[in-house]
């Protein structure tokens, strides 16, 4: 998986509805990856979990690697949303670092499925 695909031009030009569908499919992938493991998390199983056809996945993602990049992207967005305001509100750089570390641990505890999918 290449980091360049996370911010692919196709993802940047998504309509609101297409972006929402991609996000939904990425979350379905998180669930399947966590449940079955990365090797057994096929596009077919992910589509089944999302309640869509394999063709819908193919429409929204170029390939499995593109879908996995979207999973990483969505989990990182979630983590950023959870931590950014807390870190920005810290009074000193030291406090910001401590807030980030503590907040990361809280994030891992609150979203174990997402962290499992990343690992």
Protein backbone atom coordinates (compact mmCIF):
# COMPACT_ATOMS: atom_id res chain seq x y z
CA UNK A 1 0.00 0.00 0.00
CA UNK A 2 1.48 3.33 -1.01
CA UNK A 3 0.80 6.49 1.00
CA UNK A 4 0.25 8.42 -2.22
CA UNK A 5 -3.06 6.62 -2.77
CA UNK A 6 -4.51 7.92 0.50
CA UNK A 7 -4.86 11.40 -0.99
CA UNK A 8 -5.64 10.25 -4.50
CA UNK A 9 -7.11 12.77 -6.95
CA UNK A 10 -10.26 10.65 -7.22
CA UNK A 11 -10.86 10.92 -3.48
CA UNK A 12 -10.24 14.68 -3.57
CA UNK A 13 -12.87 15.18 -6.30
CA UNK A 14 -15.60 13.05 -4.69
CA UNK A 15 -19.08 14.42 -4.41
CA UNK A 16 -20.60 14.53 -0.93
CA UNK A 17 -22.64 11.39 -1.58
CA UNK A 18 -19.75 9.49 -3.15
CA UNK A 19 -17.47 10.48 -0.27
CA UNK A 20 -20.09 9.29 2.23
CA UNK A 21 -20.42 5.97 0.40
CA UNK A 22 -16.64 5.51 0.31
CA UNK A 23 -16.52 6.18 4.04
CA UNK A 24 -19.30 3.66 4.69
CA UNK A 25 -17.48 1.05 2.64
CA UNK A 26 -14.21 1.77 4.45
CA UNK A 27 -15.92 1.26 7.83
CA UNK A 28 -17.34 -2.04 6.56
CA UNK A 29 -13.80 -3.00 5.59
CA UNK A 30 -12.61 -2.12 9.12
CA UNK A 31 -15.17 -4.54 10.56
CA UNK A 32 -14.30 -7.36 8.17
CA UNK A 33 -10.54 -6.90 8.58
CA UNK A 34 -10.90 -6.95 12.36
CA UNK A 35 -13.13 -10.01 12.30
CA UNK A 36 -11.38 -12.11 9.65
CA UNK A 37 -7.88 -10.65 9.36
CA UNK A 38 -6.41 -8.80 6.42
CA UNK A 39 -5.64 -11.87 4.34
CA UNK A 40 -9.22 -13.21 4.51
CA UNK A 41 -10.92 -9.82 4.13
CA UNK A 42 -11.83 -10.12 0.48
CA UNK A 43 -13.64 -7.50 -1.55
CA UNK A 44 -16.60 -9.89 -1.76
CA UNK A 45 -16.82 -10.24 2.03
CA UNK A 46 -16.49 -6.49 2.50
CA UNK A 47 -19.25 -5.88 -0.04
CA UNK A 48 -21.47 -8.41 1.73
CA UNK A 49 -20.90 -6.69 5.08
CA UNK A 50 -21.78 -3.32 3.53
CA UNK A 51 -24.89 -4.79 1.89
CA UNK A 52 -23.77 -3.90 -1.62
CA UNK A 53 -22.57 -5.76 -4.68
CA UNK A 54 -18.92 -6.31 -5.54
CA UNK A 55 -19.52 -3.94 -8.44
CA UNK A 56 -20.33 -1.09 -6.04
CA UNK A 57 -16.91 -1.56 -4.44
CA UNK A 58 -15.30 -1.59 -7.87
CA UNK A 59 -17.08 1.66 -8.72
CA UNK A 60 -15.80 3.42 -5.60
CA UNK A 61 -12.31 1.89 -5.34
CA UNK A 62 -9.86 1.07 -8.10
CA UNK A 63 -8.74 -2.10 -6.31
CA UNK A 64 -8.25 -3.67 -2.89
CA UNK A 65 -5.17 -1.53 -2.25
CA UNK A 66 -7.23 1.60 -2.87
CA UNK A 67 -9.86 0.41 -0.38
CA UNK A 68 -7.20 -0.40 2.22
CA UNK A 69 -5.69 3.06 1.73
CA UNK A 70 -9.15 4.51 2.38
CA UNK A 71 -9.36 2.48 5.61
CA UNK A 72 -6.05 3.93 6.80
CA UNK A 73 -7.12 7.42 5.74
CA UNK A 74 -10.48 7.21 7.55
CA UNK A 75 -8.95 5.90 10.79
CA UNK A 76 -6.34 8.65 10.74
CA UNK A 77 -9.04 11.25 10.11
CA UNK A 78 -10.99 9.91 13.07
CA UNK A 79 -7.90 10.01 15.27
CA UNK A 80 -7.13 13.55 14.18
CA UNK A 81 -10.67 14.66 14.90
CA UNK A 82 -10.51 13.08 18.34
CA UNK A 83 -7.15 14.60 19.28
CA UNK A 84 -6.62 17.86 17.40
CA UNK A 85 -8.67 20.20 19.62
CA UNK A 86 -7.30 18.73 22.83
CA UNK A 87 -3.70 19.07 21.66
CA UNK A 88 -4.27 22.58 20.27
CA UNK A 89 -5.69 23.70 23.62
CA UNK A 90 -2.57 22.65 25.53
CA UNK A 91 -0.72 25.54 27.13
CA UNK A 92 2.84 24.43 26.38
CA UNK A 93 4.56 22.12 23.90
CA UNK A 94 5.19 19.69 26.76
CA UNK A 95 1.51 19.71 27.67
CA UNK A 96 0.63 19.22 24.00
CA UNK A 97 2.88 16.15 23.83
CA UNK A 98 1.44 14.72 27.04
CA UNK A 99 -2.08 15.40 25.80
CA UNK A 100 -1.29 13.72 22.50
CA UNK A 101 0.14 10.61 24.16
CA UNK A 102 -2.69 10.36 26.68
CA UNK A 103 -5.28 11.11 24.03
CA UNK A 104 -3.82 8.46 21.76
CA UNK A 105 -4.16 5.87 24.50
CA UNK A 106 -7.77 6.99 25.04
CA UNK A 107 -8.37 6.76 21.28
CA UNK A 108 -6.98 3.23 21.13
CA UNK A 109 -9.24 2.21 24.01
CA UNK A 110 -12.32 3.87 22.49
CA UNK A 111 -11.80 2.45 18.97
CA UNK A 112 -10.22 -1.02 19.35
CA UNK A 113 -11.77 -2.28 16.11
CA UNK A 114 -10.24 0.53 14.10
CA UNK A 115 -6.82 0.05 15.70
CA UNK A 116 -6.99 -3.69 15.10
CA UNK A 117 -7.72 -3.05 11.43
CA UNK A 118 -4.69 -0.79 11.18
CA UNK A 119 -2.38 -3.33 12.74
